[in-house]
C-alpha atoms as a PDB file:
ATOM      1  CA  MET A   1      85.337 154.228 152.834  1.00  0.00           C
ATOM      2  CA  THR A   2      85.298 150.671 154.124  1.00  0.00           C
ATOM      3  CA  ASN A   3      88.791 149.982 152.798  1.00  0.00           C
ATOM      4  CA  HIS A   4      90.031 153.180 154.393  1.00  0.00           C
ATOM      5  CA  VAL A   5      88.618 152.143 157.753  1.00  0.00           C
ATOM      6  CA  LEU A   6      90.143 148.681 157.408  1.00  0.00           C
ATOM      7  CA  ALA A   7      93.494 150.202 156.534  1.00  0.00           C
ATOM      8  CA  MET A   8      93.366 152.389 159.627  1.00  0.00           C
ATOM      9  CA  THR A   9      92.354 149.409 161.748  1.00  0.00           C
ATOM     10  CA  GLU A  10      95.192 147.278 160.419  1.00  0.00           C
ATOM     11  CA  GLN A  11      97.776 149.964 161.040  1.00  0.00           C
ATOM     12  CA  GLN A  12      96.396 150.610 164.509  1.00  0.00           C
ATOM     13  CA  HIS A  13      96.806 146.931 165.355  1.00  0.00           C
ATOM     14  CA  VAL A  14     100.401 147.053 164.163  1.00  0.00           C
ATOM     15  CA  SER A  15     101.281 150.162 166.169  1.00  0.00           C
ATOM     16  CA  VAL A  16      99.429 149.353 169.395  1.00  0.00           C
ATOM     17  CA  VAL A  17     102.303 147.308 170.821  1.00  0.00           C
ATOM     18  CA  CYS A  18     104.883 150.053 170.195  1.00  0.00           C
ATOM     19  CA  PHE A  19     102.547 152.695 171.623  1.00  0.00           C
ATOM     20  CA  CYS A  20     101.986 150.748 174.834  1.00  0.00           C
ATOM     21  CA  PHE A  21     105.712 150.473 175.469  1.00  0.00           C
ATOM     22  CA  GLY A  22     106.370 154.211 175.452  1.00  0.00           C
ATOM     23  CA  ARG A  23     107.963 156.668 173.062  1.00  0.00           C
ATOM     24  CA  TYR A  24     109.581 153.980 170.970  1.00  0.00           C
ATOM     25  CA  SER A  25     110.325 150.309 171.291  1.00  0.00           C
ATOM     26  CA  GLU A  26     113.941 149.961 170.168  1.00  0.00           C
ATOM     27  CA  SER A  27     115.472 150.727 173.575  1.00  0.00           C
ATOM     28  CA  LEU A  28     113.153 148.290 175.302  1.00  0.00           C
ATOM     29  CA  TYR A  29     113.920 145.667 172.679  1.00  0.00           C
ATOM     30  CA  ALA A  30     117.659 146.187 173.165  1.00  0.00           C
ATOM     31  CA  LEU A  31     117.268 145.885 176.943  1.00  0.00           C
ATOM     32  CA  PHE A  32     115.448 142.553 176.769  1.00  0.00           C
ATOM     33  CA  SER A  33     117.499 141.233 173.853  1.00  0.00           C
ATOM     34  CA  LEU A  34     120.950 141.993 175.261  1.00  0.00           C
ATOM     35  CA  GLY A  35     119.840 141.044 178.765  1.00  0.00           C
ATOM     36  CA  GLY A  36     118.445 137.746 177.512  1.00  0.00           C
ATOM     37  CA  LEU A  37     121.658 136.930 175.680  1.00  0.00           C
ATOM     38  CA  PHE A  38     123.693 137.746 178.760  1.00  0.00           C
ATOM     39  CA  TYR A  39     121.650 135.381 180.923  1.00  0.00           C
ATOM     40  CA  LEU A  40     121.595 132.706 178.221  1.00  0.00           C
ATOM     41  CA  PHE A  41     125.370 132.543 177.938  1.00  0.00           C
ATOM     42  CA  SER A  42     125.657 132.829 181.711  1.00  0.00           C
ATOM     43  CA  GLY A  43     123.639 129.644 182.096  1.00  0.00           C
ATOM     44  CA  ALA A  44     120.392 131.136 183.436  1.00  0.00           C
ATOM     45  CA  ARG A  45     118.289 129.772 180.598  1.00  0.00           C
ATOM     46  CA  THR A  46     114.858 130.273 182.145  1.00  0.00           C
ATOM     47  CA  VAL A  47     115.493 133.959 182.798  1.00  0.00           C
ATOM     48  CA  ALA A  48     116.990 134.255 179.314  1.00  0.00           C
ATOM     49  CA  MET A  49     113.947 132.624 177.741  1.00  0.00           C
ATOM     50  CA  ILE A  50     111.592 135.070 179.447  1.00  0.00           C
ATOM     51  CA  MET A  51     113.665 138.119 178.510  1.00  0.00           C
ATOM     52  CA  LEU A  52     114.045 137.032 174.895  1.00  0.00           C
ATOM     53  CA  ALA A  53     110.298 136.469 174.690  1.00  0.00           C
ATOM     54  CA  LEU A  54     109.774 139.995 176.033  1.00  0.00           C
ATOM     55  CA  SER A  55     112.120 141.301 173.343  1.00  0.00           C
ATOM     56  CA  GLY A  56     109.728 139.789 170.816  1.00  0.00           C
ATOM     57  CA  SER A  57     106.894 141.665 172.502  1.00  0.00           C
ATOM     58  CA  ALA A  58     108.722 144.942 171.912  1.00  0.00           C
ATOM     59  CA  ARG A  59     109.831 144.280 168.323  1.00  0.00           C
ATOM     60  CA  SER A  60     108.708 141.538 165.949  1.00  0.00           C
ATOM     61  CA  ASN A  61     112.305 140.716 164.985  1.00  0.00           C
ATOM     62  CA  GLY A  62     112.847 139.669 168.612  1.00  0.00           C
ATOM     63  CA  ALA A  63     111.464 136.280 167.582  1.00  0.00           C
ATOM     64  CA  LEU A  64     114.777 135.663 165.783  1.00  0.00           C
ATOM     65  CA  ASN A  65     116.480 135.504 169.178  1.00  0.00           C
ATOM     66  CA  ALA A  66     115.090 131.996 169.461  1.00  0.00           C
ATOM     67  CA  GLY A  67     118.000 131.007 167.251  1.00  0.00           C
ATOM     68  CA  TYR A  68     120.422 131.497 170.141  1.00  0.00           C
ATOM     69  CA  ILE A  69     118.438 129.035 172.252  1.00  0.00           C
ATOM     70  CA  CYS A  70     118.485 126.569 169.359  1.00  0.00           C
ATOM     71  CA  PHE A  71     122.262 126.954 169.121  1.00  0.00           C
ATOM     72  CA  GLU A  72     122.670 126.184 172.830  1.00  0.00           C
ATOM     73  CA  ALA A  73     120.366 123.178 172.487  1.00  0.00           C
ATOM     74  CA  LEU A  74     122.439 121.833 169.597  1.00  0.00           C
ATOM     75  CA  LEU A  75     125.622 122.176 171.648  1.00  0.00           C
ATOM     76  CA  GLN A  76     124.028 120.294 174.532  1.00  0.00           C
ATOM     77  CA  ALA A  77     122.636 117.606 172.243  1.00  0.00           C
ATOM     78  CA  TYR A  78     126.007 117.079 170.550  1.00  0.00           C
ATOM     79  CA  ASP A  79     127.766 116.850 173.906  1.00  0.00           C
ATOM     80  CA  ALA A  80     125.203 114.372 175.222  1.00  0.00           C
ATOM     81  CA  ALA A  81     125.216 112.176 172.118  1.00  0.00           C
ATOM     82  CA  ILE A  82     128.916 112.225 171.187  1.00  0.00           C
ATOM     83  CA  GLN A  83     130.806 112.937 174.399  1.00  0.00           C
ATOM     84  CA  LYS A  84     128.556 111.345 177.021  1.00  0.00           C
ATOM     85  CA  LYS A  85     127.124 108.641 174.732  1.00  0.00           C
ATOM     86  CA  ARG A  86     123.632 109.395 176.047  1.00  0.00           C
ATOM     87  CA  PRO A  87     121.266 109.687 173.062  1.00  0.00           C
ATOM     88  CA  MET A  88     118.213 110.153 175.276  1.00  0.00           C
ATOM     89  CA  TRP A  89     119.862 113.153 176.914  1.00  0.00           C
ATOM     90  CA  ALA A  90     120.435 114.553 173.424  1.00  0.00           C
ATOM     91  CA  VAL A  91     116.764 114.095 172.584  1.00  0.00           C
ATOM     92  CA  GLN A  92     115.757 115.780 175.828  1.00  0.00           C
ATOM     93  CA  ALA A  93     118.099 118.700 175.105  1.00  0.00           C
ATOM     94  CA  LEU A  94     116.590 119.139 171.636  1.00  0.00           C
ATOM     95  CA  VAL A  95     113.014 118.936 172.907  1.00  0.00           C
ATOM     96  CA  THR A  96     113.749 121.400 175.710  1.00  0.00           C
ATOM     97  CA  GLY A  97     115.410 123.762 173.246  1.00  0.00           C
ATOM     98  CA  PHE A  98     112.433 123.506 170.896  1.00  0.00           C
ATOM     99  CA  LEU A  99     109.967 124.319 173.687  1.00  0.00           C
ATOM    100  CA  ARG A 100     112.021 127.285 174.864  1.00  0.00           C
ATOM    101  CA  SER A 101     112.341 128.574 171.301  1.00  0.00           C
ATOM    102  CA  THR A 102     108.590 128.242 170.840  1.00  0.00           C
ATOM    103  CA  PHE A 103     108.075 130.291 173.999  1.00  0.00           C
ATOM    104  CA  VAL A 104     110.239 133.056 172.510  1.00  0.00           C
ATOM    105  CA  PHE A 105     108.033 132.998 169.401  1.00  0.00           C
ATOM    106  CA  LEU A 106     104.792 133.207 171.404  1.00  0.00           C
ATOM    107  CA  PRO A 107     104.500 137.048 171.399  1.00  0.00           C
ATOM    108  CA  PHE A 108     104.814 137.112 167.608  1.00  0.00           C
ATOM    109  CA  PHE A 109     102.228 134.348 167.185  1.00  0.00           C
ATOM    110  CA  ALA A 110      99.910 135.998 169.714  1.00  0.00           C
ATOM    111  CA  PHE A 111     100.010 139.324 167.889  1.00  0.00           C
ATOM    112  CA  GLN A 112      99.284 137.725 164.520  1.00  0.00           C
ATOM    113  CA  ALA A 113      96.373 135.799 166.041  1.00  0.00           C
ATOM    114  CA  TYR A 114      95.080 139.003 167.654  1.00  0.00           C
ATOM    115  CA  GLY A 115      95.060 140.823 164.313  1.00  0.00           C
ATOM    116  CA  TYR A 116      93.512 137.885 162.472  1.00  0.00           C
ATOM    117  CA  LEU A 117      90.671 137.488 164.964  1.00  0.00           C
ATOM    118  CA  ASN A 118      89.860 141.197 165.087  1.00  0.00           C
ATOM    119  CA  ILE A 119      90.035 141.908 161.347  1.00  0.00           C
ATOM    120  CA  CYS A 120      89.427 138.645 159.524  1.00  0.00           C
ATOM    121  CA  VAL A 121      87.069 136.809 161.887  1.00  0.00           C
ATOM    122  CA  HIS A 122      85.224 139.533 163.786  1.00  0.00           C
ATOM    123  CA  GLY A 123      85.523 142.296 161.183  1.00  0.00           C
ATOM    124  CA  ASP A 124      82.537 144.528 160.351  1.00  0.00           C
ATOM    125  CA  THR A 125      82.720 143.974 156.609  1.00  0.00           C
ATOM    126  CA  ASP A 126      81.849 141.029 154.394  1.00  0.00           C
ATOM    127  CA  GLU A 127      84.917 141.585 152.227  1.00  0.00           C
ATOM    128  CA  LEU A 128      88.013 139.937 153.615  1.00  0.00           C
ATOM    129  CA  ARG A 129      91.343 141.696 153.360  1.00  0.00           C
ATOM    130  CA  PRO A 130      93.815 140.023 150.957  1.00  0.00           C
ATOM    131  CA  TRP A 131      96.128 138.838 153.715  1.00  0.00           C
ATOM    132  CA  CYS A 132      93.243 137.080 155.471  1.00  0.00           C
ATOM    133  CA  LYS A 133      93.021 134.633 152.562  1.00  0.00           C
ATOM    134  CA  ALA A 134      96.697 133.752 152.582  1.00  0.00           C
ATOM    135  CA  LYS A 135      97.829 130.282 153.656  1.00  0.00           C
ATOM    136  CA  LEU A 136      99.891 131.953 156.373  1.00  0.00           C
ATOM    137  CA  PRO A 137      98.017 135.185 157.233  1.00  0.00           C
ATOM    138  CA  LEU A 138     100.566 137.670 158.559  1.00  0.00           C
ATOM    139  CA  LEU A 139      99.154 141.095 159.329  1.00  0.00           C
ATOM    140  CA  TYR A 140     102.475 142.834 159.863  1.00  0.00           C
ATOM    141  CA  SER A 141     104.002 141.633 156.592  1.00  0.00           C
ATOM    142  CA  PHE A 142     100.960 142.820 154.645  1.00  0.00           C
ATOM    143  CA  ILE A 143     101.039 146.258 156.268  1.00  0.00           C
ATOM    144  CA  GLN A 144     104.722 146.676 155.499  1.00  0.00           C
ATOM    145  CA  SER A 145     104.360 145.613 151.883  1.00  0.00           C
ATOM    146  CA  HIS A 146     101.001 147.237 151.027  1.00  0.00           C
ATOM    147  CA  TYR A 147     101.194 150.527 152.899  1.00  0.00           C
ATOM    148  CA  TRP A 148     104.901 151.118 153.570  1.00  0.00           C
ATOM    149  CA  GLY A 149     106.369 149.821 150.316  1.00  0.00           C
ATOM    150  CA  VAL A 150     108.663 147.315 152.029  1.00  0.00           C
ATOM    151  CA  GLY A 151     110.004 144.598 149.755  1.00  0.00           C
ATOM    152  CA  PHE A 152     113.101 143.187 148.115  1.00  0.00           C
ATOM    153  CA  LEU A 153     114.885 145.991 146.180  1.00  0.00           C
ATOM    154  CA  ARG A 154     111.751 148.156 146.277  1.00  0.00           C
ATOM    155  CA  TYR A 155     113.668 150.903 148.074  1.00  0.00           C
ATOM    156  CA  PHE A 156     116.423 151.042 145.470  1.00  0.00           C
ATOM    157  CA  GLN A 157     115.458 154.391 143.961  1.00  0.00           C
ATOM    158  CA  VAL A 158     117.542 157.443 143.126  1.00  0.00           C
ATOM    159  CA  LYS A 159     115.462 159.638 145.412  1.00  0.00           C
ATOM    160  CA  GLN A 160     116.310 157.363 148.363  1.00  0.00           C
ATOM    161  CA  LEU A 161     120.070 157.908 147.972  1.00  0.00           C
ATOM    162  CA  PRO A 162     120.206 160.313 150.977  1.00  0.00           C
ATOM    163  CA  ASN A 163     118.653 157.616 153.158  1.00  0.00           C
ATOM    164  CA  PHE A 164     121.281 155.112 152.014  1.00  0.00           C
ATOM    165  CA  LEU A 165     123.975 157.629 152.941  1.00  0.00           C
ATOM    166  CA  LEU A 166     122.306 158.127 156.302  1.00  0.00           C
ATOM    167  CA  ALA A 167     122.432 154.399 156.980  1.00  0.00           C
ATOM    168  CA  SER A 168     125.947 153.870 155.593  1.00  0.00           C
ATOM    169  CA  PRO A 169     127.875 154.236 158.913  1.00  0.00           C
ATOM    170  CA  ALA A 170     125.822 151.588 160.708  1.00  0.00           C
ATOM    171  CA  LEU A 171     125.810 149.283 157.686  1.00  0.00           C
ATOM    172  CA  SER A 172     129.554 149.724 157.205  1.00  0.00           C
ATOM    173  CA  LEU A 173     130.257 148.834 160.810  1.00  0.00           C
ATOM    174  CA  ALA A 174     127.950 145.821 160.536  1.00  0.00           C
ATOM    175  CA  VAL A 175     129.668 144.600 157.361  1.00  0.00           C
ATOM    176  CA  TYR A 176     133.081 145.144 158.925  1.00  0.00           C
ATOM    177  CA  SER A 177     132.154 143.084 161.989  1.00  0.00           C
ATOM    178  CA  ILE A 178     130.689 140.308 159.820  1.00  0.00           C
ATOM    179  CA  VAL A 179     133.793 140.097 157.635  1.00  0.00           C
ATOM    180  CA  HIS A 180     136.220 140.342 160.559  1.00  0.00           C
ATOM    181  CA  TYR A 181     134.640 137.674 162.742  1.00  0.00           C
ATOM    182  CA  THR A 182     133.911 135.416 159.776  1.00  0.00           C
ATOM    183  CA  LYS A 183     137.636 135.409 159.008  1.00  0.00           C
ATOM    184  CA  LEU A 184     138.429 134.589 162.634  1.00  0.00           C
ATOM    185  CA  LEU A 185     135.887 131.779 162.648  1.00  0.00           C
ATOM    186  CA  HIS A 186     137.416 130.415 159.454  1.00  0.00           C
ATOM    187  CA  GLN A 187     140.842 130.435 161.094  1.00  0.00           C
ATOM    188  CA  LEU A 188     139.365 128.735 164.136  1.00  0.00           C
ATOM    189  CA  PHE A 189     137.838 125.931 162.072  1.00  0.00           C
ATOM    190  CA  GLN A 190     141.155 125.419 160.292  1.00  0.00           C
ATOM    191  CA  SER A 191     143.161 125.189 163.515  1.00  0.00           C
ATOM    192  CA  THR A 192     140.841 123.020 165.616  1.00  0.00           C
ATOM    193  CA  SER A 193     137.983 120.629 165.044  1.00  0.00           C
ATOM    194  CA  ILE A 194     134.381 121.529 165.764  1.00  0.00           C
ATOM    195  CA  HIS A 195     134.298 118.652 168.252  1.00  0.00           C
ATOM    196  CA  GLU A 196     137.078 120.250 170.289  1.00  0.00           C
ATOM    197  CA  GLN A 197     135.328 123.595 170.163  1.00  0.00           C
ATOM    198  CA  ILE A 198     132.046 122.217 171.445  1.00  0.00           C
ATOM    199  CA  ILE A 199     133.701 120.263 174.253  1.00  0.00           C
ATOM    200  CA  ALA A 200     135.715 123.341 175.216  1.00  0.00           C
ATOM    201  CA  ILE A 201     132.525 125.387 175.433  1.00  0.00           C
ATOM    202  CA  VAL A 202     130.336 122.897 177.288  1.00  0.00           C
ATOM    203  CA  ASP A 203     132.983 121.462 179.629  1.00  0.00           C
ATOM    204  CA  GLY A 204     134.799 124.733 180.086  1.00  0.00           C
ATOM    205  CA  ARG A 205     131.641 126.430 181.304  1.00  0.00           C
ATOM    206  CA  LEU A 206     130.893 123.471 183.574  1.00  0.00           C
ATOM    207  CA  VAL A 207     134.335 123.768 185.175  1.00  0.00           C
ATOM    208  CA  GLU A 208     133.897 127.500 185.644  1.00  0.00           C
ATOM    209  CA  ALA A 209     130.541 126.892 187.274  1.00  0.00           C
ATOM    210  CA  HIS A 210     132.176 124.431 189.661  1.00  0.00           C
ATOM    211  CA  GLU A 211     134.839 126.971 190.621  1.00  0.00           C
ATOM    212  CA  SER A 212     132.445 129.924 190.873  1.00  0.00           C
ATOM    213  CA  SER A 213     131.794 131.568 194.195  1.00  0.00           C
ATOM    214  CA  ASP A 214     128.102 131.597 193.415  1.00  0.00           C
ATOM    215  CA  VAL A 215     127.936 127.810 193.085  1.00  0.00           C
ATOM    216  CA  ALA A 216     124.331 127.443 194.135  1.00  0.00           C
ATOM    217  CA  THR A 217     123.169 129.716 191.324  1.00  0.00           C
ATOM    218  CA  VAL A 218     125.400 128.600 188.493  1.00  0.00           C
ATOM    219  CA  LEU A 219     125.164 124.854 189.045  1.00  0.00           C
ATOM    220  CA  LYS A 220     121.399 125.103 188.556  1.00  0.00           C
ATOM    221  CA  SER A 221     121.932 126.486 185.050  1.00  0.00           C
ATOM    222  CA  GLU A 222     121.751 123.025 183.420  1.00  0.00           C
ATOM    223  CA  ILE A 223     125.129 123.479 181.754  1.00  0.00           C
ATOM    224  CA  SER A 224     125.534 119.704 181.602  1.00  0.00           C
ATOM    225  CA  THR A 225     121.852 119.199 180.667  1.00  0.00           C
ATOM    226  CA  GLY A 226     120.775 119.009 184.323  1.00  0.00           C
ATOM    227  CA  LEU A 227     120.618 115.223 184.291  1.00  0.00           C
ATOM    228  CA  HIS A 228     123.486 114.354 186.729  1.00  0.00           C
ATOM    229  CA  ASN A 229     122.571 113.443 190.253  1.00  0.00           C
ATOM    230  CA  LYS A 230     124.521 114.876 193.185  1.00  0.00           C
ATOM    231  CA  LYS A 231     126.920 111.953 193.576  1.00  0.00           C
ATOM    232  CA  GLN A 232     127.709 111.745 189.873  1.00  0.00           C
ATOM    233  CA  GLY A 233     128.036 115.488 189.547  1.00  0.00           C
ATOM    234  CA  ASN A 234     131.190 116.024 191.596  1.00  0.00           C
ATOM    235  CA  THR A 235     132.943 113.027 190.035  1.00  0.00           C
ATOM    236  CA  GLU A 236     131.956 114.094 186.530  1.00  0.00           C
ATOM    237  CA  VAL A 237     133.194 117.636 187.071  1.00  0.00           C
ATOM    238  CA  LYS A 238     136.623 116.437 188.215  1.00  0.00           C
ATOM    239  CA  LYS A 239     136.820 113.946 185.364  1.00  0.00           C
ATOM    240  CA  ARG A 240     135.840 116.445 182.693  1.00  0.00           C
ATOM    241  CA  LYS A 241     137.881 119.322 184.095  1.00  0.00           C
ATOM    242  CA  SER A 242     141.082 118.068 182.503  1.00  0.00           C
ATOM    243  CA  VAL A 243     139.274 117.387 179.220  1.00  0.00           C
ATOM    244  CA  ALA A 244     137.919 120.941 179.131  1.00  0.00           C
ATOM    245  CA  ALA A 245     141.310 122.418 179.941  1.00  0.00           C
ATOM    246  CA  SER A 246     143.073 120.514 177.177  1.00  0.00           C
ATOM    247  CA  ALA A 247     140.343 121.203 174.636  1.00  0.00           C
ATOM    248  CA  ALA A 248     140.301 124.875 175.499  1.00  0.00           C
ATOM    249  CA  SER A 249     144.078 125.015 175.176  1.00  0.00           C
ATOM    250  CA  ALA A 250     144.001 123.257 171.820  1.00  0.00           C
ATOM    251  CA  ALA A 251     141.353 125.679 170.612  1.00  0.00           C
ATOM    252  CA  SER A 252     143.441 128.669 171.767  1.00  0.00           C
ATOM    253  CA  LEU A 253     140.449 130.110 173.542  1.00  0.00           C
ATOM    254  CA  ASP A 254     142.434 131.216 176.576  1.00  0.00           C
ATOM    255  CA  GLY A 255     139.365 131.712 178.699  1.00  0.00           C
ATOM    256  CA  ASN A 256     137.071 133.020 175.982  1.00  0.00           C
ATOM    257  CA  THR A 257     134.408 130.493 176.919  1.00  0.00           C
ATOM    258  CA  SER A 258     133.887 132.351 180.153  1.00  0.00           C
ATOM    259  CA  THR A 259     130.283 132.972 180.986  1.00  0.00           C
ATOM    260  CA  GLY A 260     130.998 136.668 181.018  1.00  0.00           C
ATOM    261  CA  ARG A 261     133.116 136.894 177.850  1.00  0.00           C
ATOM    262  CA  ILE A 262     132.279 135.934 174.288  1.00  0.00           C
ATOM    263  CA  VAL A 263     135.153 137.637 172.446  1.00  0.00           C
ATOM    264  CA  GLY A 264     138.682 137.605 173.829  1.00  0.00           C
ATOM    265  CA  ASP A 265     141.071 140.494 174.209  1.00  0.00           C
ATOM    266  CA  ASN A 266     143.363 139.085 171.527  1.00  0.00           C
ATOM    267  CA  LYS A 267     142.246 140.223 168.098  1.00  0.00           C
ATOM    268  CA  ASP A 268     143.147 136.791 166.680  1.00  0.00           C
ATOM    269  CA  GLU A 269     140.915 134.886 169.122  1.00  0.00           C
ATOM    270  CA  CYS A 270     137.347 133.939 168.349  1.00  0.00           C
ATOM    271  CA  PRO A 271     135.342 131.194 170.079  1.00  0.00           C
ATOM    272  CA  LEU A 272     132.625 129.158 168.426  1.00  0.00           C
ATOM    273  CA  LEU A 273     130.035 131.041 170.489  1.00  0.00           C
ATOM    274  CA  VAL A 274     130.446 133.971 168.096  1.00  0.00           C
ATOM    275  CA  LEU A 275     128.865 131.979 165.245  1.00  0.00           C
ATOM    276  CA  PRO A 276     125.140 132.558 166.063  1.00  0.00           C
ATOM    277  CA  PHE A 277     125.785 136.270 166.601  1.00  0.00           C
ATOM    278  CA  ILE A 278     127.373 136.617 163.161  1.00  0.00           C
ATOM    279  CA  LEU A 279     124.638 134.603 161.443  1.00  0.00           C
ATOM    280  CA  HIS A 280     121.994 136.757 163.112  1.00  0.00           C
ATOM    281  CA  LEU A 281     123.728 140.018 162.195  1.00  0.00           C
ATOM    282  CA  THR A 282     124.273 138.872 158.606  1.00  0.00           C
ATOM    283  CA  PHE A 283     120.576 138.148 158.161  1.00  0.00           C
ATOM    284  CA  MET A 284     119.532 141.472 159.691  1.00  0.00           C
ATOM    285  CA  THR A 285     122.064 143.450 157.643  1.00  0.00           C
ATOM    286  CA  PHE A 286     120.900 141.811 154.412  1.00  0.00           C
ATOM    287  CA  THR A 287     117.275 142.539 155.331  1.00  0.00           C
ATOM    288  CA  ALA A 288     117.982 146.146 156.304  1.00  0.00           C
ATOM    289  CA  PHE A 289     119.854 146.914 153.076  1.00  0.00           C
ATOM    290  CA  PHE A 290     117.824 145.022 150.466  1.00  0.00           C
ATOM    291  CA  VAL A 291     114.307 144.793 151.918  1.00  0.00           C
ATOM    292  CA  MET A 292     113.515 147.430 154.548  1.00  0.00           C
ATOM    293  CA  HIS A 293     113.510 151.222 154.487  1.00  0.00           C
ATOM    294  CA  VAL A 294     117.259 151.503 154.704  1.00  0.00           C
ATOM    295  CA  GLN A 295     117.301 154.518 157.028  1.00  0.00           C
ATOM    296  CA  VAL A 296     116.046 152.353 159.902  1.00  0.00           C
ATOM    297  CA  SER A 297     119.235 150.278 159.741  1.00  0.00           C
ATOM    298  CA  THR A 298     120.863 152.124 162.637  1.00  0.00           C
ATOM    299  CA  ARG A 299     118.183 151.352 165.183  1.00  0.00           C
ATOM    300  CA  PHE A 300     117.386 147.985 163.599  1.00  0.00           C
ATOM    301  CA  LEU A 301     120.967 146.798 164.117  1.00  0.00           C
ATOM    302  CA  SER A 302     121.547 148.611 167.407  1.00  0.00           C
ATOM    303  CA  ALA A 303     120.948 145.531 169.595  1.00  0.00           C
ATOM    304  CA  SER A 304     123.514 143.352 167.809  1.00  0.00           C
ATOM    305  CA  PRO A 305     126.588 142.699 170.018  1.00  0.00           C
ATOM    306  CA  PRO A 306     129.108 142.147 167.156  1.00  0.00           C
ATOM    307  CA  ILE A 307     128.733 145.790 166.138  1.00  0.00           C
ATOM    308  CA  TYR A 308     129.953 146.895 169.562  1.00  0.00           C
ATOM    309  CA  TRP A 309     132.709 144.259 169.579  1.00  0.00           C
ATOM    310  CA  ALA A 310     133.957 145.615 166.265  1.00  0.00           C
ATOM    311  CA  ALA A 311     133.670 149.230 167.405  1.00  0.00           C
ATOM    312  CA  SER A 312     135.605 148.502 170.604  1.00  0.00           C
ATOM    313  CA  ARG A 313     138.295 146.722 168.599  1.00  0.00           C
ATOM    314  CA  ILE A 314     138.698 149.792 166.393  1.00  0.00           C
ATOM    315  CA  LEU A 315     138.680 152.182 169.356  1.00  0.00           C
ATOM    316  CA  ALA A 316     141.172 150.103 171.360  1.00  0.00           C
ATOM    317  CA  PRO A 317     142.959 147.899 168.809  1.00  0.00           C
ATOM    318  CA  ALA A 318     144.865 144.935 170.203  1.00  0.00           C
ATOM    319  CA  ARG A 319     148.607 144.483 169.826  1.00  0.00           C
ATOM    320  CA  GLY A 320     149.260 148.145 169.118  1.00  0.00           C
ATOM    321  CA  GLY A 321     147.246 148.400 165.931  1.00  0.00           C
ATOM    322  CA  SER A 322     146.735 151.828 164.407  1.00  0.00           C
ATOM    323  CA  CYS A 323     143.067 152.665 163.924  1.00  0.00           C
ATOM    324  CA  LYS A 324     142.902 156.090 165.543  1.00  0.00           C
ATOM    325  CA  ARG A 325     141.336 157.807 162.543  1.00  0.00           C
ATOM    326  CA  TRP A 326     138.423 155.374 162.378  1.00  0.00           C
ATOM    327  CA  GLY A 327     138.161 155.418 166.164  1.00  0.00           C
ATOM    328  CA  TYR A 328     137.662 159.174 166.178  1.00  0.00           C
ATOM    329  CA  PHE A 329     135.111 158.841 163.401  1.00  0.00           C
ATOM    330  CA  ILE A 330     133.110 156.297 165.391  1.00  0.00           C
ATOM    331  CA  ILE A 331     133.103 158.472 168.503  1.00  0.00           C
ATOM    332  CA  VAL A 332     132.010 161.560 166.561  1.00  0.00           C
ATOM    333  CA  TYR A 333     129.323 159.600 164.767  1.00  0.00           C
ATOM    334  CA  PHE A 334     127.906 158.072 167.957  1.00  0.00           C
ATOM    335  CA  VAL A 335     127.813 161.427 169.751  1.00  0.00           C
ATOM    336  CA  ALA A 336     126.328 163.246 166.753  1.00  0.00           C
ATOM    337  CA  TYR A 337     123.737 160.535 166.285  1.00  0.00           C
ATOM    338  CA  ILE A 338     122.580 160.885 169.892  1.00  0.00           C
ATOM    339  CA  LEU A 339     122.397 164.677 169.793  1.00  0.00           C
ATOM    340  CA  LEU A 340     120.951 165.124 166.301  1.00  0.00           C
ATOM    341  CA  GLY A 341     118.704 162.099 166.550  1.00  0.00           C
ATOM    342  CA  SER A 342     117.158 163.393 169.760  1.00  0.00           C
ATOM    343  CA  LEU A 343     116.107 166.519 167.856  1.00  0.00           C
ATOM    344  CA  LEU A 344     115.257 165.185 164.417  1.00  0.00           C
ATOM    345  CA  PHE A 345     113.508 161.896 165.128  1.00  0.00           C
ATOM    346  CA  PRO A 346     110.677 163.285 167.340  1.00  0.00           C
ATOM    347  CA  ASN A 347     110.073 165.916 164.649  1.00  0.00           C
ATOM    348  CA  PHE A 348     109.433 163.182 162.061  1.00  0.00           C
ATOM    349  CA  TYR A 349     112.667 163.592 160.111  1.00  0.00           C
ATOM    350  CA  PRO A 350     114.105 160.332 158.672  1.00  0.00           C
ATOM    351  CA  PHE A 351     116.931 160.221 161.191  1.00  0.00           C
ATOM    352  CA  THR A 352     116.528 156.757 162.606  1.00  0.00           C
END
């Protein structure tokens, strides 16, 4: 009886966050995740940090979005140390990135601490739950493994074949986007050096900020680590404008480092900024297929931008490509998923 009560308590702690956010948390997670990424690559890092932290409040995997902030911090640190020859600026960029990443992780840490205090410290029983004794007590991981059967290859059963088929469209699109953009990144690394790519990104965005109509907003985005004073700023922008233009030209980005564009219109273009998106999607796809209940892949991967980049490329292929058959399939699948999912999911069918 005691174990049953503890099991109910543990599962209630896991579900309380999702319940508080409404019918389900995926849409809210996508809102904060995609919105945070938009503001991050637009230069509004404080707003991005808050939104990405809120994405972690909606879904635990939102904590992985801290990786994008780390990527930006590494770009800034490299630019400060190599291009500007300012090692202290590089250290400050890394420390700032670490603090912002930690802030994104706070909701996940707070929830784990909440569960630990309520069940392991202030519980009503003398017998501690197994996860309470672990070196790193994680309530959510224990619930998934112990009660839901989540684990590496644990879902690979013949009876789960229909669920694998159900998840196959989303997984196929994810794999396609990973393979496609990995090839483009490989071509990019062969044609230009990483140094040129980083300078094109950092300086190119600084130049765009200087030429933007909303100068007061964009220039406060700390694109150049926020350490230039007013007199140095204008001179530095003019000096680095030509460097950014030549680096961007050498990298064949053709404007892809724009704050509003990550992937260019040309199917053969791919800026370095795509790298963290592909790494993130690769990790989530691997987890969805080999570890999780595979039928949740569709909603689990729904907030990943590369999937929509790949889908748009298939629907409107560049340079007159012929992908009409797959384009029609994607449209039919998306529409059917919305209509059928709206009926099946609230009735507890495994259509997720």
